[in-house]
């Protein structure tokens, strides 16, 4: 095509159609990313709240060597107060570790933007198959 002559109507129609198809493709992928972004945000919020609960349980486990309760139990059973304090801390640490194990299992199974990656993989496969035709 010469730079001085206008493009033929067929060339303009095919270029317009191509631009429209590209714009629709980008819009569809953008919508999918938006939807999956919202889902990922919800999942991450749930996981972060579970992490905060596990962290708080671990901290409280150490801080709740509650002197009054420790003294009451130790006095009632005739045990030394350090054994009672260590038992209480152990229970809270065990609960915190259980919460952390649950968090780890959820993180291992979590997949973010799964459908977007699947769509992009299908698009690459389609482009590769059409390139050879």
C-alpha atoms as a PDB file:
ATOM      1  CA  UNK A   1       0.000   0.000   0.000  1.00  0.00           C
ATOM      2  CA  UNK A   2       1.275   3.431  -0.898  1.00  0.00           C
ATOM      3  CA  UNK A   3       1.388   6.003   1.898  1.00  0.00           C
ATOM      4  CA  UNK A   4      -0.507   8.506  -0.238  1.00  0.00           C
ATOM      5  CA  UNK A   5      -3.475   6.318  -1.092  1.00  0.00           C
ATOM      6  CA  UNK A   6      -6.221   5.536   1.415  1.00  0.00           C
ATOM      7  CA  UNK A   7      -6.697   1.877   2.390  1.00  0.00           C
ATOM      8  CA  UNK A   8      -9.294  -0.161   0.603  1.00  0.00           C
ATOM      9  CA  UNK A   9     -12.652  -0.676   2.359  1.00  0.00           C
ATOM     10  CA  UNK A  10     -11.858  -4.392   2.815  1.00  0.00           C
ATOM     11  CA  UNK A  11      -8.590  -3.534   4.581  1.00  0.00           C
ATOM     12  CA  UNK A  12     -10.332  -1.033   6.849  1.00  0.00           C
ATOM     13  CA  UNK A  13     -13.081  -3.540   7.692  1.00  0.00           C
ATOM     14  CA  UNK A  14     -10.582  -6.283   8.542  1.00  0.00           C
ATOM     15  CA  UNK A  15      -8.482  -3.895  10.665  1.00  0.00           C
ATOM     16  CA  UNK A  16     -11.600  -2.644  12.457  1.00  0.00           C
ATOM     17  CA  UNK A  17     -12.763  -6.196  13.042  1.00  0.00           C
ATOM     18  CA  UNK A  18      -9.369  -7.175  14.383  1.00  0.00           C
ATOM     19  CA  UNK A  19      -9.262  -4.179  16.741  1.00  0.00           C
ATOM     20  CA  UNK A  20     -12.781  -4.954  17.929  1.00  0.00           C
ATOM     21  CA  UNK A  21     -11.870  -8.599  18.566  1.00  0.00           C
ATOM     22  CA  UNK A  22      -8.748  -7.578  20.498  1.00  0.00           C
ATOM     23  CA  UNK A  23     -10.739  -5.074  22.557  1.00  0.00           C
ATOM     24  CA  UNK A  24     -13.406  -7.690  23.369  1.00  0.00           C
ATOM     25  CA  UNK A  25     -10.716 -10.207  24.282  1.00  0.00           C
ATOM     26  CA  UNK A  26      -8.995  -7.743  26.638  1.00  0.00           C
ATOM     27  CA  UNK A  27     -12.326  -6.779  28.182  1.00  0.00           C
ATOM     28  CA  UNK A  28     -13.270 -10.412  28.818  1.00  0.00           C
ATOM     29  CA  UNK A  29      -9.893 -11.178  30.399  1.00  0.00           C
ATOM     30  CA  UNK A  30     -10.150  -8.022  32.504  1.00  0.00           C
ATOM     31  CA  UNK A  31     -13.574  -9.026  33.809  1.00  0.00           C
ATOM     32  CA  UNK A  32     -12.293 -12.488  34.657  1.00  0.00           C
ATOM     33  CA  UNK A  33      -9.314 -11.027  36.514  1.00  0.00           C
ATOM     34  CA  UNK A  34     -11.654  -8.700  38.402  1.00  0.00           C
ATOM     35  CA  UNK A  35     -13.914 -11.550  39.513  1.00  0.00           C
ATOM     36  CA  UNK A  36     -10.993 -13.726  40.543  1.00  0.00           C
ATOM     37  CA  UNK A  37      -9.361 -10.774  42.289  1.00  0.00           C
ATOM     38  CA  UNK A  38     -12.425 -10.406  44.472  1.00  0.00           C
ATOM     39  CA  UNK A  39     -12.385 -14.119  45.268  1.00  0.00           C
ATOM     40  CA  UNK A  40      -8.677 -14.009  46.066  1.00  0.00           C
ATOM     41  CA  UNK A  41      -9.233 -11.029  48.364  1.00  0.00           C
ATOM     42  CA  UNK A  42     -11.856 -12.965  50.307  1.00  0.00           C
ATOM     43  CA  UNK A  43      -9.621 -15.991  50.625  1.00  0.00           C
ATOM     44  CA  UNK A  44      -6.644 -13.930  51.739  1.00  0.00           C
ATOM     45  CA  UNK A  45      -8.799 -12.091  54.283  1.00  0.00           C
ATOM     46  CA  UNK A  46      -9.931 -15.416  55.762  1.00  0.00           C
ATOM     47  CA  UNK A  47      -6.370 -16.709  55.906  1.00  0.00           C
ATOM     48  CA  UNK A  48      -5.015 -13.538  57.460  1.00  0.00           C
ATOM     49  CA  UNK A  49      -7.705 -13.607  60.141  1.00  0.00           C
ATOM     50  CA  UNK A  50      -6.872 -17.245  60.889  1.00  0.00           C
ATOM     51  CA  UNK A  51      -3.199 -16.313  61.122  1.00  0.00           C
ATOM     52  CA  UNK A  52      -3.983 -13.493  63.534  1.00  0.00           C
ATOM     53  CA  UNK A  53      -6.037 -15.842  65.719  1.00  0.00           C
ATOM     54  CA  UNK A  54      -3.217 -18.400  65.770  1.00  0.00           C
ATOM     55  CA  UNK A  55      -0.677 -15.703  66.588  1.00  0.00           C
ATOM     56  CA  UNK A  56      -2.867 -14.314  69.364  1.00  0.00           C
ATOM     57  CA  UNK A  57      -3.334 -17.812  70.812  1.00  0.00           C
ATOM     58  CA  UNK A  58       0.426 -18.305  70.902  1.00  0.00           C
ATOM     59  CA  UNK A  59       1.006 -14.957  72.600  1.00  0.00           C
ATOM     60  CA  UNK A  60      -1.850 -15.446  75.034  1.00  0.00           C
ATOM     61  CA  UNK A  61      -0.517 -18.905  75.778  1.00  0.00           C
ATOM     62  CA  UNK A  62       2.602 -17.341  77.213  1.00  0.00           C
ATOM     63  CA  UNK A  63       0.916 -14.396  78.840  1.00  0.00           C
ATOM     64  CA  UNK A  64      -1.815 -16.468  80.433  1.00  0.00           C
ATOM     65  CA  UNK A  65       0.380 -17.926  83.050  1.00  0.00           C
ATOM     66  CA  UNK A  66      -2.417 -16.330  85.020  1.00  0.00           C
ATOM     67  CA  UNK A  67      -0.985 -15.993  88.499  1.00  0.00           C
ATOM     68  CA  UNK A  68      -4.283 -16.318  90.317  1.00  0.00           C
ATOM     69  CA  UNK A  69      -5.413 -19.429  88.453  1.00  0.00           C
ATOM     70  CA  UNK A  70      -1.974 -20.962  88.710  1.00  0.00           C
ATOM     71  CA  UNK A  71      -1.917 -20.307  92.424  1.00  0.00           C
ATOM     72  CA  UNK A  72      -5.434 -21.737  92.949  1.00  0.00           C
ATOM     73  CA  UNK A  73      -4.699 -24.950  91.043  1.00  0.00           C
ATOM     74  CA  UNK A  74      -1.291 -25.395  92.635  1.00  0.00           C
ATOM     75  CA  UNK A  75      -2.670 -24.788  96.112  1.00  0.00           C
ATOM     76  CA  UNK A  76      -5.682 -27.074  95.597  1.00  0.00           C
ATOM     77  CA  UNK A  77      -3.620 -30.030  94.294  1.00  0.00           C
ATOM     78  CA  UNK A  78      -0.474 -29.447  96.324  1.00  0.00           C
ATOM     79  CA  UNK A  79       1.667 -29.028  93.219  1.00  0.00           C
ATOM     80  CA  UNK A  80       4.397 -26.466  92.692  1.00  0.00           C
ATOM     81  CA  UNK A  81       3.119 -23.381  90.858  1.00  0.00           C
ATOM     82  CA  UNK A  82       5.686 -23.710  88.041  1.00  0.00           C
ATOM     83  CA  UNK A  83       4.217 -27.038  86.929  1.00  0.00           C
ATOM     84  CA  UNK A  84       0.741 -25.576  86.730  1.00  0.00           C
ATOM     85  CA  UNK A  85       2.000 -22.543  84.789  1.00  0.00           C
ATOM     86  CA  UNK A  86       3.849 -24.754  82.301  1.00  0.00           C
ATOM     87  CA  UNK A  87       0.774 -26.964  81.811  1.00  0.00           C
ATOM     88  CA  UNK A  88      -1.415 -23.937  81.044  1.00  0.00           C
ATOM     89  CA  UNK A  89       1.132 -22.535  78.621  1.00  0.00           C
ATOM     90  CA  UNK A  90       1.442 -25.946  76.974  1.00  0.00           C
ATOM     91  CA  UNK A  91      -2.287 -26.157  76.366  1.00  0.00           C
ATOM     92  CA  UNK A  92      -2.349 -22.728  74.722  1.00  0.00           C
ATOM     93  CA  UNK A  93       0.727 -23.479  72.652  1.00  0.00           C
ATOM     94  CA  UNK A  94      -0.866 -26.732  71.475  1.00  0.00           C
ATOM     95  CA  UNK A  95      -3.994 -24.854  70.383  1.00  0.00           C
ATOM     96  CA  UNK A  96      -1.860 -22.278  68.569  1.00  0.00           C
ATOM     97  CA  UNK A  97       0.077 -24.997  66.766  1.00  0.00           C
ATOM     98  CA  UNK A  98      -3.175 -26.672  65.710  1.00  0.00           C
ATOM     99  CA  UNK A  99      -4.357 -23.374  64.216  1.00  0.00           C
ATOM    100  CA  UNK A 100      -1.030 -22.925  62.413  1.00  0.00           C
ATOM    101  CA  UNK A 101      -1.258 -26.472  61.007  1.00  0.00           C
ATOM    102  CA  UNK A 102      -4.752 -25.651  59.694  1.00  0.00           C
ATOM    103  CA  UNK A 103      -3.406 -22.463  58.144  1.00  0.00           C
ATOM    104  CA  UNK A 104      -0.578 -24.362  56.463  1.00  0.00           C
ATOM    105  CA  UNK A 105      -2.959 -26.922  54.967  1.00  0.00           C
ATOM    106  CA  UNK A 106      -5.222 -24.167  53.632  1.00  0.00           C
ATOM    107  CA  UNK A 107      -2.283 -22.322  52.108  1.00  0.00           C
ATOM    108  CA  UNK A 108      -1.074 -25.489  50.415  1.00  0.00           C
ATOM    109  CA  UNK A 109      -4.432 -26.094  48.733  1.00  0.00           C
ATOM    110  CA  UNK A 110      -5.205 -22.492  47.807  1.00  0.00           C
ATOM    111  CA  UNK A 111      -4.977 -21.399  44.186  1.00  0.00           C
ATOM    112  CA  UNK A 112      -5.481 -17.794  43.191  1.00  0.00           C
ATOM    113  CA  UNK A 113      -6.557 -16.654  39.707  1.00  0.00           C
ATOM    114  CA  UNK A 114      -6.978 -20.286  38.656  1.00  0.00           C
ATOM    115  CA  UNK A 115      -9.535 -19.656  35.909  1.00  0.00           C
ATOM    116  CA  UNK A 116      -7.549 -16.728  34.475  1.00  0.00           C
ATOM    117  CA  UNK A 117      -4.453 -18.900  34.171  1.00  0.00           C
ATOM    118  CA  UNK A 118      -6.530 -21.676  32.576  1.00  0.00           C
ATOM    119  CA  UNK A 119      -8.006 -19.246  30.050  1.00  0.00           C
ATOM    120  CA  UNK A 120      -4.593 -17.821  29.171  1.00  0.00           C
ATOM    121  CA  UNK A 121      -3.227 -21.367  28.758  1.00  0.00           C
ATOM    122  CA  UNK A 122      -6.123 -22.226  26.421  1.00  0.00           C
ATOM    123  CA  UNK A 123      -5.501 -19.016  24.483  1.00  0.00           C
ATOM    124  CA  UNK A 124      -1.820 -19.931  24.033  1.00  0.00           C
ATOM    125  CA  UNK A 125      -2.790 -23.443  22.900  1.00  0.00           C
ATOM    126  CA  UNK A 126      -5.319 -22.017  20.447  1.00  0.00           C
ATOM    127  CA  UNK A 127      -2.791 -19.536  19.061  1.00  0.00           C
ATOM    128  CA  UNK A 128      -0.181 -22.288  18.701  1.00  0.00           C
ATOM    129  CA  UNK A 129      -2.639 -24.562  16.862  1.00  0.00           C
ATOM    130  CA  UNK A 130      -3.749 -21.734  14.533  1.00  0.00           C
ATOM    131  CA  UNK A 131      -0.169 -20.736  13.791  1.00  0.00           C
ATOM    132  CA  UNK A 132       0.490 -24.151  12.246  1.00  0.00           C
ATOM    133  CA  UNK A 133      -2.650 -24.068  10.076  1.00  0.00           C
END
